[in-house]
Amino acid sequence: DAAATFLRIEFKNKLDQALQFFTETEANEVHAVVIFKVMSRMKNPICKNCQQSPCLNNNGITVENFVVGAEVINIKQKSPSFGWIVELVKTVGAQGAEFMGKRLADGNVSKFTLS
């Protein structure tokens, strides 16, 4: 991730220039895998919120993609007074089927069900 960030800055998000840089090094199987991963991260950087690439925006929360501190929108309860945006706190319940989330509107922590 740090390498992809550096290359995005160094080559001003121009993948063709980064690719040219990589073709100037001696190729082998290990380098090829590393180059492939770095180039894919340049195109699809890791989301700072969900920690995934590509971003999981509009996908449900699961035990596998749960990230403490991520901000999510509660689409099942659309009342503005309820507080649509929730900061994930922790998973709870059987096999983490539920989670605790802090509503950003008022700071209250409530239990929600994972999708």
C-alpha atoms as a PDB file:
ATOM      1  CA  ASP A   1       0.000   0.000   0.000  1.00  0.00           C
ATOM      2  CA  ALA A   2       2.825   2.404   0.818  1.00  0.00           C
ATOM      3  CA  ALA A   3       4.532   1.532  -2.461  1.00  0.00           C
ATOM      4  CA  ALA A   4       1.352   2.159  -4.444  1.00  0.00           C
ATOM      5  CA  THR A   5       0.825   5.493  -2.687  1.00  0.00           C
ATOM      6  CA  PHE A   6       4.410   6.507  -3.428  1.00  0.00           C
ATOM      7  CA  LEU A   7       4.075   5.542  -7.098  1.00  0.00           C
ATOM      8  CA  ARG A   8       0.741   7.357  -7.471  1.00  0.00           C
ATOM      9  CA  ILE A   9       2.426  10.519  -6.183  1.00  0.00           C
ATOM     10  CA  GLU A  10       5.701  10.007  -8.063  1.00  0.00           C
ATOM     11  CA  PHE A  11       4.013   9.331 -11.418  1.00  0.00           C
ATOM     12  CA  LYS A  12       1.025  11.641 -10.822  1.00  0.00           C
ATOM     13  CA  ASN A  13      -1.476   8.764 -11.176  1.00  0.00           C
ATOM     14  CA  LYS A  14      -0.196   7.964 -14.685  1.00  0.00           C
ATOM     15  CA  LEU A  15      -0.124   4.186 -14.879  1.00  0.00           C
ATOM     16  CA  ASP A  16       1.722   4.172 -18.206  1.00  0.00           C
ATOM     17  CA  GLN A  17       4.676   6.025 -16.657  1.00  0.00           C
ATOM     18  CA  ALA A  18       4.771   3.646 -13.698  1.00  0.00           C
ATOM     19  CA  LEU A  19       4.632   0.689 -16.083  1.00  0.00           C
ATOM     20  CA  GLN A  20       7.580   2.130 -18.026  1.00  0.00           C
ATOM     21  CA  PHE A  21       9.507   2.397 -14.749  1.00  0.00           C
ATOM     22  CA  PHE A  22       8.854  -1.278 -13.987  1.00  0.00           C
ATOM     23  CA  THR A  23       9.898  -2.459 -17.451  1.00  0.00           C
ATOM     24  CA  GLU A  24      13.354  -0.998 -16.864  1.00  0.00           C
ATOM     25  CA  THR A  25      14.087  -3.568 -14.128  1.00  0.00           C
ATOM     26  CA  GLU A  26      15.153  -7.180 -14.647  1.00  0.00           C
ATOM     27  CA  ALA A  27      12.042  -9.345 -14.703  1.00  0.00           C
ATOM     28  CA  ASN A  28      11.497 -12.565 -12.816  1.00  0.00           C
ATOM     29  CA  GLU A  29       8.463 -14.349 -11.372  1.00  0.00           C
ATOM     30  CA  VAL A  30       8.698 -12.729  -7.926  1.00  0.00           C
ATOM     31  CA  HIS A  31       9.055  -9.245  -9.399  1.00  0.00           C
ATOM     32  CA  ALA A  32       6.090  -9.897 -11.702  1.00  0.00           C
ATOM     33  CA  VAL A  33       3.771 -10.731  -8.798  1.00  0.00           C
ATOM     34  CA  VAL A  34       4.910  -7.697  -6.800  1.00  0.00           C
ATOM     35  CA  ILE A  35       4.587  -5.386  -9.805  1.00  0.00           C
ATOM     36  CA  PHE A  36       1.113  -6.713 -10.562  1.00  0.00           C
ATOM     37  CA  LYS A  37      -0.064  -6.140  -6.986  1.00  0.00           C
ATOM     38  CA  VAL A  38       1.431  -2.648  -6.784  1.00  0.00           C
ATOM     39  CA  MET A  39      -0.045  -1.621 -10.147  1.00  0.00           C
ATOM     40  CA  SER A  40      -3.493  -2.883  -9.155  1.00  0.00           C
ATOM     41  CA  ARG A  41      -3.281  -0.885  -5.924  1.00  0.00           C
ATOM     42  CA  MET A  42      -2.349   2.221  -7.913  1.00  0.00           C
ATOM     43  CA  LYS A  43      -5.520   1.825  -9.949  1.00  0.00           C
ATOM     44  CA  ASN A  44      -7.722   0.789  -7.019  1.00  0.00           C
ATOM     45  CA  PRO A  45      -6.217   2.227  -3.843  1.00  0.00           C
ATOM     46  CA  ILE A  46      -7.214   0.843  -0.454  1.00  0.00           C
ATOM     47  CA  CYS A  47     -10.223   2.693   0.954  1.00  0.00           C
ATOM     48  CA  LYS A  48      -9.314   4.538   4.147  1.00  0.00           C
ATOM     49  CA  ASN A  49     -12.749   3.728   5.596  1.00  0.00           C
ATOM     50  CA  CYS A  50     -13.371   0.034   4.831  1.00  0.00           C
ATOM     51  CA  GLN A  51      -9.690  -0.937   4.312  1.00  0.00           C
ATOM     52  CA  GLN A  52     -10.595  -2.808   1.091  1.00  0.00           C
ATOM     53  CA  SER A  53      -9.718  -2.440  -2.585  1.00  0.00           C
ATOM     54  CA  PRO A  54     -11.984  -1.780  -4.292  1.00  0.00           C
ATOM     55  CA  CYS A  55     -14.083   0.049  -1.716  1.00  0.00           C
ATOM     56  CA  LEU A  56     -17.077  -1.847  -0.330  1.00  0.00           C
ATOM     57  CA  ASN A  57     -19.395   1.158  -0.643  1.00  0.00           C
ATOM     58  CA  ASN A  58     -23.026  -0.013  -1.076  1.00  0.00           C
ATOM     59  CA  ASN A  59     -22.183  -3.533   0.152  1.00  0.00           C
ATOM     60  CA  GLY A  60     -23.459  -4.933   3.405  1.00  0.00           C
ATOM     61  CA  ILE A  61     -21.335  -5.394   6.513  1.00  0.00           C
ATOM     62  CA  THR A  62     -20.186  -8.937   7.177  1.00  0.00           C
ATOM     63  CA  VAL A  63     -17.989 -10.509   9.826  1.00  0.00           C
ATOM     64  CA  GLU A  64     -15.241 -10.786   7.188  1.00  0.00           C
ATOM     65  CA  ASN A  65     -15.272  -7.118   6.140  1.00  0.00           C
ATOM     66  CA  PHE A  66     -16.012  -5.555   9.556  1.00  0.00           C
ATOM     67  CA  VAL A  67     -13.538  -2.744  10.334  1.00  0.00           C
ATOM     68  CA  VAL A  68     -13.595  -1.057  13.742  1.00  0.00           C
ATOM     69  CA  GLY A  69     -13.933   2.698  13.254  1.00  0.00           C
ATOM     70  CA  ALA A  70     -15.387   2.497   9.734  1.00  0.00           C
ATOM     71  CA  GLU A  71     -18.323   4.813   9.087  1.00  0.00           C
ATOM     72  CA  VAL A  72     -21.348   3.157   7.496  1.00  0.00           C
ATOM     73  CA  ILE A  73     -24.854   4.211   6.548  1.00  0.00           C
ATOM     74  CA  ASN A  74     -27.785   2.379   8.120  1.00  0.00           C
ATOM     75  CA  ILE A  75     -29.999   1.753   5.081  1.00  0.00           C
ATOM     76  CA  LYS A  76     -32.621  -0.320   6.936  1.00  0.00           C
ATOM     77  CA  GLN A  77     -33.697   2.562   9.197  1.00  0.00           C
ATOM     78  CA  LYS A  78     -34.079   5.731   7.155  1.00  0.00           C
ATOM     79  CA  SER A  79     -35.363   8.060   9.847  1.00  0.00           C
ATOM     80  CA  PRO A  80     -32.980  11.053  10.098  1.00  0.00           C
ATOM     81  CA  SER A  81     -33.658  11.212  13.834  1.00  0.00           C
ATOM     82  CA  PHE A  82     -32.271   7.678  14.177  1.00  0.00           C
ATOM     83  CA  GLY A  83     -28.917   8.716  12.785  1.00  0.00           C
ATOM     84  CA  TRP A  84     -28.027   7.240   9.422  1.00  0.00           C
ATOM     85  CA  ILE A  85     -24.272   7.269   9.832  1.00  0.00           C
ATOM     86  CA  VAL A  86     -22.795   4.827  12.312  1.00  0.00           C
ATOM     87  CA  GLU A  87     -19.174   4.269  13.353  1.00  0.00           C
ATOM     88  CA  LEU A  88     -18.484   0.556  13.798  1.00  0.00           C
ATOM     89  CA  VAL A  89     -17.407  -0.340  17.337  1.00  0.00           C
ATOM     90  CA  LYS A  90     -17.274  -4.154  17.644  1.00  0.00           C
ATOM     91  CA  THR A  91     -18.995  -7.381  16.628  1.00  0.00           C
ATOM     92  CA  VAL A  92     -21.133  -9.152  19.217  1.00  0.00           C
ATOM     93  CA  GLY A  93     -23.517 -12.085  19.433  1.00  0.00           C
ATOM     94  CA  ALA A  94     -23.284 -15.583  17.989  1.00  0.00           C
ATOM     95  CA  GLN A  95     -20.460 -15.736  15.432  1.00  0.00           C
ATOM     96  CA  GLY A  96     -20.421 -11.916  15.375  1.00  0.00           C
ATOM     97  CA  ALA A  97     -23.879 -11.738  13.752  1.00  0.00           C
ATOM     98  CA  GLU A  98     -24.516  -8.365  15.375  1.00  0.00           C
ATOM     99  CA  PHE A  99     -22.384  -5.325  15.968  1.00  0.00           C
ATOM    100  CA  MET A 100     -22.245  -2.305  18.194  1.00  0.00           C
ATOM    101  CA  GLY A 101     -22.246   0.986  16.369  1.00  0.00           C
ATOM    102  CA  LYS A 102     -21.961   4.576  17.545  1.00  0.00           C
ATOM    103  CA  ARG A 103     -24.410   6.955  15.882  1.00  0.00           C
ATOM    104  CA  LEU A 104     -22.476   9.988  14.784  1.00  0.00           C
ATOM    105  CA  ALA A 105     -25.508  12.273  15.198  1.00  0.00           C
ATOM    106  CA  ASP A 106     -25.665  11.862  18.974  1.00  0.00           C
ATOM    107  CA  GLY A 107     -22.819   9.524  19.992  1.00  0.00           C
ATOM    108  CA  ASN A 108     -25.189   6.853  21.335  1.00  0.00           C
ATOM    109  CA  VAL A 109     -24.028   3.252  20.970  1.00  0.00           C
ATOM    110  CA  SER A 110     -26.623   0.745  19.748  1.00  0.00           C
ATOM    111  CA  LYS A 111     -26.752  -2.882  18.601  1.00  0.00           C
ATOM    112  CA  PHE A 112     -27.306  -3.589  14.891  1.00  0.00           C
ATOM    113  CA  THR A 113     -27.589  -6.778  12.843  1.00  0.00           C
ATOM    114  CA  LEU A 114     -25.012  -7.607  10.180  1.00  0.00           C
ATOM    115  CA  SER A 115     -26.320  -8.077   6.652  1.00  0.00           C
END
